[in-house]
Amino acid sequence: MPEGEMIEIVRTSLNEMLRWVGFGTLVGLAAKAIMPGRDPGGAVATMLMGIAGSVIGCGVVMFFGDGTTIDPISGKGFLAATAGAFLLLFFYRLLAGSFFTESDRHEDAMMHRSRRRSRRRRLVADAWRDAA
């Protein structure tokens, strides 16, 4: 294989990878913007969720569409990918238990207050011990 052809293959592969990283990041950000509440993960998790969402979303469209082909990096592909990433985020939150809480909000507030008071008491006690 000539050296020029190898360089062109590497250049094309890197270009394709960068396109998917950028597209996955945009799709992941769009899915996180649609889903209300705090989201797990940082930038890398958002990118991976977007890439996986685009594979799932476009795969579902191609599976259920009769011979429909869809380019993931297009308008329709972006919508399908965002829907796939949204579903991934939804099921992650559902399985992680962040949608449903079993305690009452009043109980949560009381627990938070008691933790805060005990932390203050420890800080004051430590300060008095250090001063003595």
C-alpha atoms as a PDB file:
ATOM      1  CA  MET A   1       0.000   0.000   0.000  1.00  0.00           C
ATOM      2  CA  PRO A   2       1.508   3.359  -0.989  1.00  0.00           C
ATOM      3  CA  GLU A   3       2.229   5.868   1.742  1.00  0.00           C
ATOM      4  CA  GLY A   4      -0.069   8.538   0.263  1.00  0.00           C
ATOM      5  CA  GLU A   5      -3.017   6.151   0.289  1.00  0.00           C
ATOM      6  CA  MET A   6      -2.347   5.230   3.942  1.00  0.00           C
ATOM      7  CA  ILE A   7      -2.233   8.906   4.935  1.00  0.00           C
ATOM      8  CA  GLU A   8      -5.551   9.509   3.159  1.00  0.00           C
ATOM      9  CA  ILE A   9      -7.183   6.566   4.990  1.00  0.00           C
ATOM     10  CA  VAL A  10      -5.964   7.874   8.362  1.00  0.00           C
ATOM     11  CA  ARG A  11      -7.132  11.412   7.510  1.00  0.00           C
ATOM     12  CA  THR A  12     -10.578  10.171   6.464  1.00  0.00           C
ATOM     13  CA  SER A  13     -10.899   8.029   9.591  1.00  0.00           C
ATOM     14  CA  LEU A  14      -9.949  10.907  11.893  1.00  0.00           C
ATOM     15  CA  ASN A  15     -12.363  13.223  10.104  1.00  0.00           C
ATOM     16  CA  GLU A  16     -15.197  10.705  10.524  1.00  0.00           C
ATOM     17  CA  MET A  17     -14.361  10.194  14.201  1.00  0.00           C
ATOM     18  CA  LEU A  18     -14.353  13.946  14.867  1.00  0.00           C
ATOM     19  CA  ARG A  19     -17.703  14.302  13.093  1.00  0.00           C
ATOM     20  CA  TRP A  20     -19.218  11.625  15.327  1.00  0.00           C
ATOM     21  CA  VAL A  21     -17.731  13.159  18.479  1.00  0.00           C
ATOM     22  CA  GLY A  22     -19.165  16.574  17.598  1.00  0.00           C
ATOM     23  CA  PHE A  23     -22.514  15.157  16.522  1.00  0.00           C
ATOM     24  CA  GLY A  24     -22.747  12.954  19.609  1.00  0.00           C
ATOM     25  CA  THR A  25     -22.021  15.916  21.856  1.00  0.00           C
ATOM     26  CA  LEU A  26     -24.735  18.005  20.206  1.00  0.00           C
ATOM     27  CA  VAL A  27     -27.256  15.175  20.413  1.00  0.00           C
ATOM     28  CA  GLY A  28     -26.398  14.479  24.067  1.00  0.00           C
ATOM     29  CA  LEU A  29     -26.744  18.162  24.946  1.00  0.00           C
ATOM     30  CA  ALA A  30     -30.096  18.348  23.158  1.00  0.00           C
ATOM     31  CA  ALA A  31     -31.400  15.288  25.034  1.00  0.00           C
ATOM     32  CA  LYS A  32     -30.221  16.706  28.370  1.00  0.00           C
ATOM     33  CA  ALA A  33     -31.860  20.049  27.551  1.00  0.00           C
ATOM     34  CA  ILE A  34     -35.199  18.349  26.867  1.00  0.00           C
ATOM     35  CA  MET A  35     -35.121  16.171  30.006  1.00  0.00           C
ATOM     36  CA  PRO A  36     -35.847  18.264  33.127  1.00  0.00           C
ATOM     37  CA  GLY A  37     -33.735  17.971  36.281  1.00  0.00           C
ATOM     38  CA  ARG A  38     -30.125  17.261  37.101  1.00  0.00           C
ATOM     39  CA  ASP A  39     -28.306  15.005  34.701  1.00  0.00           C
ATOM     40  CA  PRO A  40     -25.658  12.403  35.442  1.00  0.00           C
ATOM     41  CA  GLY A  41     -22.228  12.467  33.901  1.00  0.00           C
ATOM     42  CA  GLY A  42     -19.997  15.095  32.430  1.00  0.00           C
ATOM     43  CA  ALA A  43     -18.879  15.954  28.926  1.00  0.00           C
ATOM     44  CA  VAL A  44     -17.635  12.486  28.010  1.00  0.00           C
ATOM     45  CA  ALA A  45     -20.835  10.814  29.260  1.00  0.00           C
ATOM     46  CA  THR A  46     -22.903  13.344  27.286  1.00  0.00           C
ATOM     47  CA  MET A  47     -20.925  12.607  24.127  1.00  0.00           C
ATOM     48  CA  LEU A  48     -21.160   8.828  24.562  1.00  0.00           C
ATOM     49  CA  MET A  49     -24.884   9.083  25.311  1.00  0.00           C
ATOM     50  CA  GLY A  50     -25.348  11.109  22.113  1.00  0.00           C
ATOM     51  CA  ILE A  51     -23.417   8.628  19.983  1.00  0.00           C
ATOM     52  CA  ALA A  52     -25.269   5.647  21.481  1.00  0.00           C
ATOM     53  CA  GLY A  53     -28.553   7.525  21.125  1.00  0.00           C
ATOM     54  CA  SER A  54     -27.895   8.157  17.453  1.00  0.00           C
ATOM     55  CA  VAL A  55     -27.175   4.472  16.866  1.00  0.00           C
ATOM     56  CA  ILE A  56     -30.336   3.462  18.753  1.00  0.00           C
ATOM     57  CA  GLY A  57     -32.595   6.170  17.291  1.00  0.00           C
ATOM     58  CA  CYS A  58     -31.509   5.720  13.682  1.00  0.00           C
ATOM     59  CA  GLY A  59     -31.533   1.941  14.097  1.00  0.00           C
ATOM     60  CA  VAL A  60     -35.130   2.010  15.323  1.00  0.00           C
ATOM     61  CA  VAL A  61     -36.191   4.228  12.406  1.00  0.00           C
ATOM     62  CA  MET A  62     -34.503   1.923   9.898  1.00  0.00           C
ATOM     63  CA  PHE A  63     -35.903  -1.208  11.587  1.00  0.00           C
ATOM     64  CA  PHE A  64     -39.516  -0.062  11.694  1.00  0.00           C
ATOM     65  CA  GLY A  65     -39.435   1.917   8.435  1.00  0.00           C
ATOM     66  CA  ASP A  66     -39.992  -0.179   5.324  1.00  0.00           C
ATOM     67  CA  GLY A  67     -36.614   0.067   3.638  1.00  0.00           C
ATOM     68  CA  THR A  68     -36.103   3.582   4.980  1.00  0.00           C
ATOM     69  CA  THR A  69     -32.505   4.699   5.098  1.00  0.00           C
ATOM     70  CA  ILE A  70     -31.483   7.558   7.316  1.00  0.00           C
ATOM     71  CA  ASP A  71     -28.194   9.400   7.496  1.00  0.00           C
ATOM     72  CA  PRO A  72     -27.413  10.025  11.170  1.00  0.00           C
ATOM     73  CA  ILE A  73     -25.768  13.358  10.413  1.00  0.00           C
ATOM     74  CA  SER A  74     -28.813  15.041   8.877  1.00  0.00           C
ATOM     75  CA  GLY A  75     -31.952  16.804  10.093  1.00  0.00           C
ATOM     76  CA  LYS A  76     -34.043  13.633  10.360  1.00  0.00           C
ATOM     77  CA  GLY A  77     -31.067  11.780  11.786  1.00  0.00           C
ATOM     78  CA  PHE A  78     -30.591  14.477  14.426  1.00  0.00           C
ATOM     79  CA  LEU A  79     -34.230  14.139  15.522  1.00  0.00           C
ATOM     80  CA  ALA A  80     -34.008  10.335  15.631  1.00  0.00           C
ATOM     81  CA  ALA A  81     -30.677  10.488  17.475  1.00  0.00           C
ATOM     82  CA  THR A  82     -32.017  12.986  20.014  1.00  0.00           C
ATOM     83  CA  ALA A  83     -35.034  10.749  20.624  1.00  0.00           C
ATOM     84  CA  GLY A  84     -32.712   7.765  21.133  1.00  0.00           C
ATOM     85  CA  ALA A  85     -30.483   9.686  23.566  1.00  0.00           C
ATOM     86  CA  PHE A  86     -33.584  10.954  25.386  1.00  0.00           C
ATOM     87  CA  LEU A  87     -34.775   7.364  25.810  1.00  0.00           C
ATOM     88  CA  LEU A  88     -31.355   6.314  27.106  1.00  0.00           C
ATOM     89  CA  LEU A  89     -31.362   9.139  29.658  1.00  0.00           C
ATOM     90  CA  PHE A  90     -34.967   8.379  30.642  1.00  0.00           C
ATOM     91  CA  PHE A  91     -34.292   4.697  31.268  1.00  0.00           C
ATOM     92  CA  TYR A  92     -31.057   5.493  33.110  1.00  0.00           C
ATOM     93  CA  ARG A  93     -32.936   7.786  35.474  1.00  0.00           C
ATOM     94  CA  LEU A  94     -35.773   5.304  35.838  1.00  0.00           C
ATOM     95  CA  LEU A  95     -33.431   2.456  36.736  1.00  0.00           C
ATOM     96  CA  ALA A  96     -31.275   4.655  38.980  1.00  0.00           C
ATOM     97  CA  GLY A  97     -34.370   5.697  40.947  1.00  0.00           C
ATOM     98  CA  SER A  98     -33.929   9.430  40.488  1.00  0.00           C
ATOM     99  CA  PHE A  99     -37.502   9.891  39.195  1.00  0.00           C
ATOM    100  CA  PHE A 100     -39.263   8.548  42.246  1.00  0.00           C
ATOM    101  CA  THR A 101     -38.544   9.296  45.893  1.00  0.00           C
ATOM    102  CA  GLU A 102     -40.120   7.416  48.775  1.00  0.00           C
ATOM    103  CA  SER A 103     -39.644  10.018  51.489  1.00  0.00           C
ATOM    104  CA  ASP A 104     -41.676  13.121  52.131  1.00  0.00           C
ATOM    105  CA  ARG A 105     -40.147  16.520  51.324  1.00  0.00           C
ATOM    106  CA  HIS A 106     -40.602  17.595  54.958  1.00  0.00           C
ATOM    107  CA  GLU A 107     -38.564  14.611  56.138  1.00  0.00           C
ATOM    108  CA  ASP A 108     -35.786  15.479  53.675  1.00  0.00           C
ATOM    109  CA  ALA A 109     -35.673  19.047  54.930  1.00  0.00           C
ATOM    110  CA  MET A 110     -35.532  17.908  58.565  1.00  0.00           C
ATOM    111  CA  MET A 111     -32.728  15.457  57.807  1.00  0.00           C
ATOM    112  CA  HIS A 112     -30.771  18.186  56.031  1.00  0.00           C
ATOM    113  CA  ARG A 113     -31.210  20.586  58.949  1.00  0.00           C
ATOM    114  CA  SER A 114     -30.103  18.032  61.526  1.00  0.00           C
ATOM    115  CA  ARG A 115     -26.993  17.190  59.472  1.00  0.00           C
ATOM    116  CA  ARG A 116     -26.164  20.876  59.141  1.00  0.00           C
ATOM    117  CA  ARG A 117     -26.583  21.485  62.896  1.00  0.00           C
ATOM    118  CA  SER A 118     -24.444  18.503  63.847  1.00  0.00           C
ATOM    119  CA  ARG A 119     -21.728  19.678  61.456  1.00  0.00           C
ATOM    120  CA  ARG A 120     -21.771  23.131  63.076  1.00  0.00           C
ATOM    121  CA  ARG A 121     -21.555  21.572  66.527  1.00  0.00           C
ATOM    122  CA  ARG A 122     -18.553  19.499  65.447  1.00  0.00           C
ATOM    123  CA  LEU A 123     -16.839  22.558  63.996  1.00  0.00           C
ATOM    124  CA  VAL A 124     -17.417  24.567  67.194  1.00  0.00           C
ATOM    125  CA  ALA A 125     -16.233  21.680  69.360  1.00  0.00           C
ATOM    126  CA  ASP A 126     -13.105  21.279  67.234  1.00  0.00           C
ATOM    127  CA  ALA A 127     -12.397  25.015  67.452  1.00  0.00           C
ATOM    128  CA  TRP A 128     -12.736  24.979  71.251  1.00  0.00           C
ATOM    129  CA  ARG A 129     -10.511  21.904  71.487  1.00  0.00           C
ATOM    130  CA  ASP A 130      -7.843  23.485  69.286  1.00  0.00           C
ATOM    131  CA  ALA A 131      -7.948  26.731  71.304  1.00  0.00           C
ATOM    132  CA  ALA A 132      -7.468  24.924  74.625  1.00  0.00           C
END
